[in-house]
Structures are given as structure tokens and as C-alpha cells.
């Protein structure tokens, strides 16, 4: 994944572990910015997340739980890269 060509707008969310999320439908890339202490931590891009999957993720009762159950454990399906 060439992340230098992708710029994803991030939306702050209410979550105990995630600070903000975003999605690039053209590249099927999910962006997640994690929390670190009281501030924001690193941002990661996850590949192969289509618009429908992002809608399910964004609309989940707990976005953090959805991420840890449906995306994070499947690194082969959703390869990721640390952006910052």
C-alpha cells in the first residue's frame, strides 16, 4: 500500500480506545487513530475494508469492540500499516 498517496479525513469518535476513524472508499482503506493516555496516539491504515464494512463498523454499538472482534484479528484479510 502506498500510503503517501492516500489522505483520509478523520472523524473523532466516542470510544475508550479509539480517537478517530476515517475511510477511503476508492482504495478500500480504513483509518484508525488510537488513543494514548489523555491524547491521541498512532494512526493505522487497514486495507480491504469496503464501504459496506465501514458502515457496519461505524454503526456498531461499540466501535472499539467491533474493531477488536472483526478487523484486528484478521491481519491477513486486513493488512495494516502504521502511518505516524
PDB file of N, CA and C in Angstrom:
ATOM      1  N   UNK A   1       0.848  -1.174   0.000  1.00  0.00           N
ATOM      2  CA  UNK A   1       0.000   0.000   0.000  1.00  0.00           C
ATOM      3  C   UNK A   1       0.889   1.231   0.000  1.00  0.00           C
ATOM      4  N   UNK A   2       0.624   2.146  -0.912  1.00  0.00           N
ATOM      5  CA  UNK A   2       1.367   3.385  -0.968  1.00  0.00           C
ATOM      6  C   UNK A   2       0.577   4.439  -0.204  1.00  0.00           C
ATOM      7  N   UNK A   3       0.879   4.569   1.068  1.00  0.00           N
ATOM      8  CA  UNK A   3       0.103   5.466   1.920  1.00  0.00           C
ATOM      9  C   UNK A   3       0.417   6.932   1.677  1.00  0.00           C
ATOM     10  N   UNK A   4       1.486   7.241   0.969  1.00  0.00           N
ATOM     11  CA  UNK A   4       1.795   8.643   0.708  1.00  0.00           C
ATOM     12  C   UNK A   4       0.783   9.256  -0.243  1.00  0.00           C
ATOM     13  N   UNK A   5       0.059   8.442  -0.995  1.00  0.00           N
ATOM     14  CA  UNK A   5      -0.931   8.945  -1.941  1.00  0.00           C
ATOM     15  C   UNK A   5      -2.337   8.968  -1.359  1.00  0.00           C
ATOM     16  N   UNK A   6      -2.506   8.462  -0.149  1.00  0.00           N
ATOM     17  CA  UNK A   6      -3.820   8.399   0.468  1.00  0.00           C
ATOM     18  C   UNK A   6      -3.883   9.390   1.628  1.00  0.00           C
ATOM     19  N   UNK A   7      -4.896  10.233   1.608  1.00  0.00           N
ATOM     20  CA  UNK A   7      -5.153  11.141   2.715  1.00  0.00           C
ATOM     21  C   UNK A   7      -6.604  10.942   3.121  1.00  0.00           C
ATOM     22  N   UNK A   8      -6.808  10.458   4.324  1.00  0.00           N
ATOM     23  CA  UNK A   8      -8.143  10.116   4.780  1.00  0.00           C
ATOM     24  C   UNK A   8      -8.586  11.112   5.851  1.00  0.00           C
ATOM     25  N   UNK A   9      -9.755  11.694   5.650  1.00  0.00           N
ATOM     26  CA  UNK A   9     -10.320  12.611   6.634  1.00  0.00           C
ATOM     27  C   UNK A   9     -10.759  11.817   7.853  1.00  0.00           C
ATOM     28  N   UNK A  10     -10.321  12.254   9.005  1.00  0.00           N
ATOM     29  CA  UNK A  10     -10.618  11.552  10.244  1.00  0.00           C
ATOM     30  C   UNK A  10     -11.776  12.236  10.978  1.00  0.00           C
ATOM     31  N   UNK A  11     -12.650  11.413  11.570  1.00  0.00           N
ATOM     32  CA  UNK A  11     -13.780  11.898  12.352  1.00  0.00           C
ATOM     33  C   UNK A  11     -13.597  11.440  13.795  1.00  0.00           C
ATOM     34  N   UNK A  12     -13.526  12.370  14.754  1.00  0.00           N
ATOM     35  CA  UNK A  12     -13.418  11.964  16.165  1.00  0.00           C
ATOM     36  C   UNK A  12     -14.628  11.138  16.582  1.00  0.00           C
ATOM     37  N   UNK A  13     -14.392  10.136  17.423  1.00  0.00           N
ATOM     38  CA  UNK A  13     -15.482   9.279  17.901  1.00  0.00           C
ATOM     39  C   UNK A  13     -15.420   9.136  19.414  1.00  0.00           C
ATOM     40  N   UNK A  14     -16.529   8.687  19.974  1.00  0.00           N
ATOM     41  CA  UNK A  14     -16.591   8.377  21.398  1.00  0.00           C
ATOM     42  C   UNK A  14     -16.224   6.907  21.565  1.00  0.00           C
ATOM     43  N   UNK A  15     -15.055   6.662  22.112  1.00  0.00           N
ATOM     44  CA  UNK A  15     -14.582   5.297  22.325  1.00  0.00           C
ATOM     45  C   UNK A  15     -13.524   5.339  23.408  1.00  0.00           C
ATOM     46  N   UNK A  16     -13.417   4.269  24.164  1.00  0.00           N
ATOM     47  CA  UNK A  16     -12.413   4.249  25.220  1.00  0.00           C
ATOM     48  C   UNK A  16     -11.008   4.029  24.679  1.00  0.00           C
ATOM     49  N   UNK A  17     -10.885   3.439  23.479  1.00  0.00           N
ATOM     50  CA  UNK A  17      -9.561   3.133  22.960  1.00  0.00           C
ATOM     51  C   UNK A  17      -9.243   3.772  21.614  1.00  0.00           C
ATOM     52  N   UNK A  18     -10.273   4.204  20.886  1.00  0.00           N
ATOM     53  CA  UNK A  18     -10.066   4.808  19.580  1.00  0.00           C
ATOM     54  C   UNK A  18     -10.400   6.289  19.646  1.00  0.00           C
ATOM     55  N   UNK A  19      -9.581   7.120  18.980  1.00  0.00           N
ATOM     56  CA  UNK A  19      -9.802   8.567  18.999  1.00  0.00           C
ATOM     57  C   UNK A  19     -10.587   9.038  17.785  1.00  0.00           C
ATOM     58  N   UNK A  20     -10.271   8.466  16.604  1.00  0.00           N
ATOM     59  CA  UNK A  20     -10.914   8.924  15.374  1.00  0.00           C
ATOM     60  C   UNK A  20     -10.846   7.822  14.327  1.00  0.00           C
ATOM     61  N   UNK A  21     -11.791   7.879  13.377  1.00  0.00           N
ATOM     62  CA  UNK A  21     -11.809   6.914  12.282  1.00  0.00           C
ATOM     63  C   UNK A  21     -12.068   7.637  10.969  1.00  0.00           C
ATOM     64  N   UNK A  22     -11.713   6.987   9.882  1.00  0.00           N
ATOM     65  CA  UNK A  22     -11.997   7.517   8.555  1.00  0.00           C
ATOM     66  C   UNK A  22     -11.956   6.388   7.550  1.00  0.00           C
ATOM     67  N   UNK A  23     -12.407   6.677   6.326  1.00  0.00           N
ATOM     68  CA  UNK A  23     -12.447   5.631   5.305  1.00  0.00           C
ATOM     69  C   UNK A  23     -12.236   6.235   3.934  1.00  0.00           C
ATOM     70  N   UNK A  24     -11.472   5.552   3.111  1.00  0.00           N
ATOM     71  CA  UNK A  24     -11.270   5.918   1.706  1.00  0.00           C
ATOM     72  C   UNK A  24     -11.922   4.818   0.878  1.00  0.00           C
ATOM     73  N   UNK A  25     -13.100   5.117   0.316  1.00  0.00           N
ATOM     74  CA  UNK A  25     -13.858   4.110  -0.433  1.00  0.00           C
ATOM     75  C   UNK A  25     -13.179   3.732  -1.749  1.00  0.00           C
ATOM     76  N   UNK A  26     -12.431   4.643  -2.331  1.00  0.00           N
ATOM     77  CA  UNK A  26     -11.744   4.350  -3.593  1.00  0.00           C
ATOM     78  C   UNK A  26     -10.668   3.288  -3.385  1.00  0.00           C
ATOM     79  N   UNK A  27      -9.928   3.410  -2.295  1.00  0.00           N
ATOM     80  CA  UNK A  27      -8.844   2.470  -2.007  1.00  0.00           C
ATOM     81  C   UNK A  27      -9.233   1.391  -0.993  1.00  0.00           C
ATOM     82  N   UNK A  28     -10.502   1.396  -0.541  1.00  0.00           N
ATOM     83  CA  UNK A  28     -10.963   0.433   0.477  1.00  0.00           C
ATOM     84  C   UNK A  28     -10.023   0.408   1.678  1.00  0.00           C
ATOM     85  N   UNK A  29      -9.747   1.601   2.203  1.00  0.00           N
ATOM     86  CA  UNK A  29      -8.815   1.726   3.313  1.00  0.00           C
ATOM     87  C   UNK A  29      -9.506   2.361   4.516  1.00  0.00           C
ATOM     88  N   UNK A  30      -9.400   1.682   5.645  1.00  0.00           N
ATOM     89  CA  UNK A  30      -9.913   2.173   6.918  1.00  0.00           C
ATOM     90  C   UNK A  30      -8.761   2.830   7.665  1.00  0.00           C
ATOM     91  N   UNK A  31      -9.010   4.009   8.214  1.00  0.00           N
ATOM     92  CA  UNK A  31      -8.010   4.687   9.038  1.00  0.00           C
ATOM     93  C   UNK A  31      -8.521   4.711  10.467  1.00  0.00           C
ATOM     94  N   UNK A  32      -7.639   4.349  11.400  1.00  0.00           N
ATOM     95  CA  UNK A  32      -7.981   4.392  12.815  1.00  0.00           C
ATOM     96  C   UNK A  32      -6.871   5.102  13.562  1.00  0.00           C
ATOM     97  N   UNK A  33      -7.263   6.098  14.343  1.00  0.00           N
ATOM     98  CA  UNK A  33      -6.318   6.776  15.225  1.00  0.00           C
ATOM     99  C   UNK A  33      -6.641   6.316  16.644  1.00  0.00           C
ATOM    100  N   UNK A  34      -5.648   5.741  17.284  1.00  0.00           N
ATOM    101  CA  UNK A  34      -5.827   5.209  18.627  1.00  0.00           C
ATOM    102  C   UNK A  34      -5.590   6.292  19.670  1.00  0.00           C
ATOM    103  N   UNK A  35      -6.121   6.068  20.861  1.00  0.00           N
ATOM    104  CA  UNK A  35      -5.862   6.958  21.986  1.00  0.00           C
ATOM    105  C   UNK A  35      -4.574   6.530  22.674  1.00  0.00           C
ATOM    106  N   UNK A  36      -3.907   7.511  23.266  1.00  0.00           N
ATOM    107  CA  UNK A  36      -2.733   7.235  24.096  1.00  0.00           C
ATOM    108  C   UNK A  36      -2.848   8.130  25.314  1.00  0.00           C
ATOM    109  N   UNK A  37      -3.155   7.521  26.440  1.00  0.00           N
ATOM    110  CA  UNK A  37      -3.366   8.315  27.648  1.00  0.00           C
ATOM    111  C   UNK A  37      -4.530   9.265  27.450  1.00  0.00           C
ATOM    112  N   UNK A  38      -4.297  10.542  27.713  1.00  0.00           N
ATOM    113  CA  UNK A  38      -5.333  11.555  27.538  1.00  0.00           C
ATOM    114  C   UNK A  38      -5.333  12.142  26.133  1.00  0.00           C
ATOM    115  N   UNK A  39      -4.334  11.782  25.326  1.00  0.00           N
ATOM    116  CA  UNK A  39      -4.232  12.352  23.993  1.00  0.00           C
ATOM    117  C   UNK A  39      -4.448  11.317  22.908  1.00  0.00           C
ATOM    118  N   UNK A  40      -3.998  11.671  21.713  1.00  0.00           N
ATOM    119  CA  UNK A  40      -4.128  10.754  20.584  1.00  0.00           C
ATOM    120  C   UNK A  40      -2.799  10.060  20.325  1.00  0.00           C
ATOM    121  N   UNK A  41      -2.901   8.849  19.850  1.00  0.00           N
ATOM    122  CA  UNK A  41      -1.716   8.043  19.564  1.00  0.00           C
ATOM    123  C   UNK A  41      -1.513   7.877  18.077  1.00  0.00           C
ATOM    124  N   UNK A  42      -1.056   6.712  17.706  1.00  0.00           N
ATOM    125  CA  UNK A  42      -0.716   6.427  16.321  1.00  0.00           C
ATOM    126  C   UNK A  42      -1.948   6.186  15.457  1.00  0.00           C
ATOM    127  N   UNK A  43      -1.751   6.424  14.162  1.00  0.00           N
ATOM    128  CA  UNK A  43      -2.782   6.157  13.168  1.00  0.00           C
ATOM    129  C   UNK A  43      -2.348   4.977  12.318  1.00  0.00           C
ATOM    130  N   UNK A  44      -3.281   4.086  12.052  1.00  0.00           N
ATOM    131  CA  UNK A  44      -3.016   2.917  11.215  1.00  0.00           C
ATOM    132  C   UNK A  44      -4.017   2.893  10.069  1.00  0.00           C
ATOM    133  N   UNK A  45      -3.562   2.421   8.912  1.00  0.00           N
ATOM    134  CA  UNK A  45      -4.427   2.205   7.753  1.00  0.00           C
ATOM    135  C   UNK A  45      -4.602   0.704   7.562  1.00  0.00           C
ATOM    136  N   UNK A  46      -5.845   0.274   7.423  1.00  0.00           N
ATOM    137  CA  UNK A  46      -6.198  -1.128   7.215  1.00  0.00           C
ATOM    138  C   UNK A  46      -6.755  -1.284   5.810  1.00  0.00           C
ATOM    139  N   UNK A  47      -6.176  -2.167   5.029  1.00  0.00           N
ATOM    140  CA  UNK A  47      -6.596  -2.398   3.652  1.00  0.00           C
ATOM    141  C   UNK A  47      -7.811  -3.322   3.588  1.00  0.00           C
ATOM    142  N   UNK A  48      -8.457  -3.316   2.425  1.00  0.00           N
ATOM    143  CA  UNK A  48      -9.541  -4.252   2.073  1.00  0.00           C
ATOM    144  C   UNK A  48     -10.816  -4.056   2.885  1.00  0.00           C
ATOM    145  N   UNK A  49     -11.020  -2.860   3.424  1.00  0.00           N
ATOM    146  CA  UNK A  49     -12.256  -2.564   4.145  1.00  0.00           C
ATOM    147  C   UNK A  49     -13.141  -1.765   3.188  1.00  0.00           C
ATOM    148  N   UNK A  50     -14.183  -2.429   2.662  1.00  0.00           N
ATOM    149  CA  UNK A  50     -15.030  -1.758   1.682  1.00  0.00           C
ATOM    150  C   UNK A  50     -16.062  -0.859   2.383  1.00  0.00           C
ATOM    151  N   UNK A  51     -16.829  -0.138   1.576  1.00  0.00           N
ATOM    152  CA  UNK A  51     -17.784   0.839   2.117  1.00  0.00           C
ATOM    153  C   UNK A  51     -18.821   0.178   3.014  1.00  0.00           C
ATOM    154  N   UNK A  52     -19.291  -0.998   2.630  1.00  0.00           N
ATOM    155  CA  UNK A  52     -20.296  -1.694   3.448  1.00  0.00           C
ATOM    156  C   UNK A  52     -19.703  -2.105   4.801  1.00  0.00           C
ATOM    157  N   UNK A  53     -18.493  -2.621   4.787  1.00  0.00           N
ATOM    158  CA  UNK A  53     -17.838  -3.000   6.043  1.00  0.00           C
ATOM    159  C   UNK A  53     -17.603  -1.773   6.919  1.00  0.00           C
ATOM    160  N   UNK A  54     -17.247  -0.651   6.299  1.00  0.00           N
ATOM    161  CA  UNK A  54     -17.041   0.571   7.072  1.00  0.00           C
ATOM    162  C   UNK A  54     -18.354   1.047   7.691  1.00  0.00           C
ATOM    163  N   UNK A  55     -19.454   0.940   6.954  1.00  0.00           N
ATOM    164  CA  UNK A  55     -20.758   1.323   7.502  1.00  0.00           C
ATOM    165  C   UNK A  55     -21.108   0.480   8.719  1.00  0.00           C
ATOM    166  N   UNK A  56     -20.849  -0.823   8.632  1.00  0.00           N
ATOM    167  CA  UNK A  56     -21.110  -1.716   9.769  1.00  0.00           C
ATOM    168  C   UNK A  56     -20.233  -1.324  10.957  1.00  0.00           C
ATOM    169  N   UNK A  57     -18.963  -1.037  10.680  1.00  0.00           N
ATOM    170  CA  UNK A  57     -18.011  -0.638  11.706  1.00  0.00           C
ATOM    171  C   UNK A  57     -18.467   0.670  12.353  1.00  0.00           C
ATOM    172  N   UNK A  58     -18.752   1.659  11.520  1.00  0.00           N
ATOM    173  CA  UNK A  58     -19.131   2.981  12.005  1.00  0.00           C
ATOM    174  C   UNK A  58     -20.453   2.945  12.771  1.00  0.00           C
ATOM    175  N   UNK A  59     -21.366   2.073  12.385  1.00  0.00           N
ATOM    176  CA  UNK A  59     -22.668   2.000  13.023  1.00  0.00           C
ATOM    177  C   UNK A  59     -22.760   1.031  14.186  1.00  0.00           C
ATOM    178  N   UNK A  60     -21.650   0.397  14.518  1.00  0.00           N
ATOM    179  CA  UNK A  60     -21.657  -0.594  15.606  1.00  0.00           C
ATOM    180  C   UNK A  60     -21.966   0.072  16.943  1.00  0.00           C
ATOM    181  N   UNK A  61     -22.611  -0.689  17.804  1.00  0.00           N
ATOM    182  CA  UNK A  61     -22.912  -0.179  19.147  1.00  0.00           C
ATOM    183  C   UNK A  61     -21.629   0.214  19.868  1.00  0.00           C
ATOM    184  N   UNK A  62     -20.591  -0.601  19.698  1.00  0.00           N
ATOM    185  CA  UNK A  62     -19.270  -0.285  20.234  1.00  0.00           C
ATOM    186  C   UNK A  62     -18.269  -0.415  19.087  1.00  0.00           C
ATOM    187  N   UNK A  63     -17.788   0.722  18.614  1.00  0.00           N
ATOM    188  CA  UNK A  63     -16.842   0.698  17.502  1.00  0.00           C
ATOM    189  C   UNK A  63     -15.558  -0.024  17.904  1.00  0.00           C
ATOM    190  N   UNK A  64     -15.095   0.213  19.121  1.00  0.00           N
ATOM    191  CA  UNK A  64     -13.883  -0.453  19.591  1.00  0.00           C
ATOM    192  C   UNK A  64     -14.036  -1.961  19.630  1.00  0.00           C
ATOM    193  N   UNK A  65     -15.154  -2.436  20.172  1.00  0.00           N
ATOM    194  CA  UNK A  65     -15.398  -3.883  20.230  1.00  0.00           C
ATOM    195  C   UNK A  65     -15.496  -4.472  18.834  1.00  0.00           C
ATOM    196  N   UNK A  66     -16.167  -3.768  17.936  1.00  0.00           N
ATOM    197  CA  UNK A  66     -16.284  -4.241  16.555  1.00  0.00           C
ATOM    198  C   UNK A  66     -14.898  -4.381  15.932  1.00  0.00           C
ATOM    199  N   UNK A  67     -14.064  -3.378  16.138  1.00  0.00           N
ATOM    200  CA  UNK A  67     -12.703  -3.427  15.604  1.00  0.00           C
ATOM    201  C   UNK A  67     -11.935  -4.627  16.153  1.00  0.00           C
ATOM    202  N   UNK A  68     -11.953  -4.809  17.465  1.00  0.00           N
ATOM    203  CA  UNK A  68     -11.167  -5.878  18.090  1.00  0.00           C
ATOM    204  C   UNK A  68     -11.716  -7.275  17.810  1.00  0.00           C
ATOM    205  N   UNK A  69     -12.980  -7.377  17.399  1.00  0.00           N
ATOM    206  CA  UNK A  69     -13.563  -8.683  17.077  1.00  0.00           C
ATOM    207  C   UNK A  69     -13.528  -9.004  15.585  1.00  0.00           C
ATOM    208  N   UNK A  70     -13.682  -7.967  14.732  1.00  0.00           N
ATOM    209  CA  UNK A  70     -13.907  -8.215  13.310  1.00  0.00           C
ATOM    210  C   UNK A  70     -12.808  -7.749  12.367  1.00  0.00           C
ATOM    211  N   UNK A  71     -11.872  -6.952  12.834  1.00  0.00           N
ATOM    212  CA  UNK A  71     -10.827  -6.438  11.948  1.00  0.00           C
ATOM    213  C   UNK A  71      -9.438  -6.808  12.455  1.00  0.00           C
ATOM    214  N   UNK A  72      -9.113  -6.405  13.661  1.00  0.00           N
ATOM    215  CA  UNK A  72      -7.762  -6.614  14.188  1.00  0.00           C
ATOM    216  C   UNK A  72      -7.291  -8.074  14.143  1.00  0.00           C
ATOM    217  N   UNK A  73      -8.129  -9.057  14.485  1.00  0.00           N
ATOM    218  CA  UNK A  73      -7.631 -10.443  14.486  1.00  0.00           C
ATOM    219  C   UNK A  73      -7.346 -11.007  13.089  1.00  0.00           C
ATOM    220  N   UNK A  74      -7.754 -10.292  12.042  1.00  0.00           N
ATOM    221  CA  UNK A  74      -7.656 -10.829  10.685  1.00  0.00           C
ATOM    222  C   UNK A  74      -6.667 -10.036   9.837  1.00  0.00           C
ATOM    223  N   UNK A  75      -5.412 -10.020  10.293  1.00  0.00           N
ATOM    224  CA  UNK A  75      -4.362  -9.238   9.629  1.00  0.00           C
ATOM    225  C   UNK A  75      -4.092  -9.713   8.203  1.00  0.00           C
ATOM    226  N   UNK A  76      -4.358 -10.983   7.912  1.00  0.00           N
ATOM    227  CA  UNK A  76      -4.160 -11.457   6.541  1.00  0.00           C
ATOM    228  C   UNK A  76      -5.228 -10.880   5.617  1.00  0.00           C
ATOM    229  N   UNK A  77      -6.447 -10.769   6.101  1.00  0.00           N
ATOM    230  CA  UNK A  77      -7.545 -10.217   5.315  1.00  0.00           C
ATOM    231  C   UNK A  77      -7.475  -8.690   5.265  1.00  0.00           C
ATOM    232  N   UNK A  78      -7.080  -8.082   6.390  1.00  0.00           N
ATOM    233  CA  UNK A  78      -7.000  -6.632   6.504  1.00  0.00           C
ATOM    234  C   UNK A  78      -5.578  -6.199   6.882  1.00  0.00           C
ATOM    235  N   UNK A  79      -4.625  -6.323   5.945  1.00  0.00           N
ATOM    236  CA  UNK A  79      -3.251  -5.907   6.284  1.00  0.00           C
ATOM    237  C   UNK A  79      -3.226  -4.443   6.671  1.00  0.00           C
ATOM    238  N   UNK A  80      -2.335  -4.101   7.584  1.00  0.00           N
ATOM    239  CA  UNK A  80      -2.319  -2.734   8.099  1.00  0.00           C
ATOM    240  C   UNK A  80      -0.910  -2.151   8.070  1.00  0.00           C
ATOM    241  N   UNK A  81      -0.869  -0.837   8.161  1.00  0.00           N
ATOM    242  CA  UNK A  81       0.397  -0.129   8.170  1.00  0.00           C
ATOM    243  C   UNK A  81       0.284   1.059   9.111  1.00  0.00           C
ATOM    244  N   UNK A  82       1.300   1.230   9.941  1.00  0.00           N
ATOM    245  CA  UNK A  82       1.354   2.397  10.829  1.00  0.00           C
ATOM    246  C   UNK A  82       1.706   3.617   9.991  1.00  0.00           C
ATOM    247  N   UNK A  83       0.924   4.682  10.151  1.00  0.00           N
ATOM    248  CA  UNK A  83       1.119   5.889   9.349  1.00  0.00           C
ATOM    249  C   UNK A  83       1.975   6.906  10.082  1.00  0.00           C
ATOM    250  N   UNK A  84       1.766   7.066  11.379  1.00  0.00           N
ATOM    251  CA  UNK A  84       2.581   8.015  12.150  1.00  0.00           C
ATOM    252  C   UNK A  84       2.840   7.486  13.523  1.00  0.00           C
TER     253      UNK A  84
END
